[in-house]
Amino acid sequence: RALTPGATIMTQLSRTIWMDYS
């Protein structure tokens, strides 16, 4: 899906944080 660069970065960050706190 086409998202804004910022949204993509935020998604990646959220995923990384999720993994970090899992």
N, C-alpha and C. Protein backbone atom coordinates (compact mmCIF):
# COMPACT_ATOMS: atom_id res chain seq x y z
N ARG A 1 0.84 -1.20 0.00
CA ARG A 1 0.00 0.00 0.00
C ARG A 1 0.88 1.26 0.00
N ALA A 2 0.35 2.31 -0.60
CA ALA A 2 1.13 3.55 -0.70
C ALA A 2 0.87 4.45 0.50
N LEU A 3 1.89 4.62 1.31
CA LEU A 3 1.77 5.50 2.47
C LEU A 3 2.83 6.59 2.37
N THR A 4 2.67 7.62 3.16
CA THR A 4 3.66 8.70 3.16
C THR A 4 4.95 8.18 3.81
N PRO A 5 6.10 8.69 3.38
CA PRO A 5 7.38 8.26 3.96
C PRO A 5 7.36 8.31 5.48
N GLY A 6 6.76 9.37 6.01
CA GLY A 6 6.71 9.51 7.47
C GLY A 6 5.92 8.38 8.10
N ALA A 7 4.80 8.03 7.47
CA ALA A 7 3.97 6.96 8.01
C ALA A 7 4.73 5.64 7.97
N THR A 8 5.43 5.42 6.86
CA THR A 8 6.20 4.18 6.74
C THR A 8 7.26 4.10 7.84
N ILE A 9 7.96 5.20 8.06
CA ILE A 9 9.00 5.24 9.09
C ILE A 9 8.38 4.98 10.46
N MET A 10 7.24 5.61 10.72
CA MET A 10 6.58 5.42 12.01
C MET A 10 6.17 3.97 12.19
N THR A 11 5.68 3.35 11.11
CA THR A 11 5.28 1.95 11.19
C THR A 11 6.49 1.09 11.53
N GLN A 12 7.59 1.34 10.84
CA GLN A 12 8.81 0.58 11.10
C GLN A 12 9.28 0.78 12.54
N LEU A 13 9.21 2.03 13.01
CA LEU A 13 9.62 2.34 14.37
C LEU A 13 8.73 1.61 15.36
N SER A 14 7.42 1.66 15.13
CA SER A 14 6.48 1.01 16.04
C SER A 14 6.75 -0.48 16.09
N ARG A 15 7.01 -1.06 14.92
CA ARG A 15 7.26 -2.50 14.88
C ARG A 15 8.53 -2.83 15.65
N THR A 16 9.55 -1.99 15.47
CA THR A 16 10.81 -2.23 16.18
C THR A 16 10.60 -2.11 17.68
N ILE A 17 9.87 -1.08 18.09
CA ILE A 17 9.60 -0.88 19.52
C ILE A 17 8.81 -2.07 20.07
N TRP A 18 7.82 -2.51 19.30
CA TRP A 18 7.00 -3.66 19.71
C TRP A 18 7.89 -4.86 19.97
N MET A 19 8.78 -5.12 19.01
CA MET A 19 9.68 -6.26 19.16
C MET A 19 10.57 -6.07 20.39
N ASP A 20 10.99 -4.82 20.61
CA ASP A 20 11.89 -4.52 21.71
C ASP A 20 11.21 -4.78 23.06
N TYR A 21 9.92 -4.39 23.14
CA TYR A 21 9.24 -4.52 24.43
C TYR A 21 8.47 -5.84 24.57
N SER A 22 8.53 -6.68 23.53
CA SER A 22 7.81 -7.94 23.59
C SER A 22 8.44 -8.84 24.65
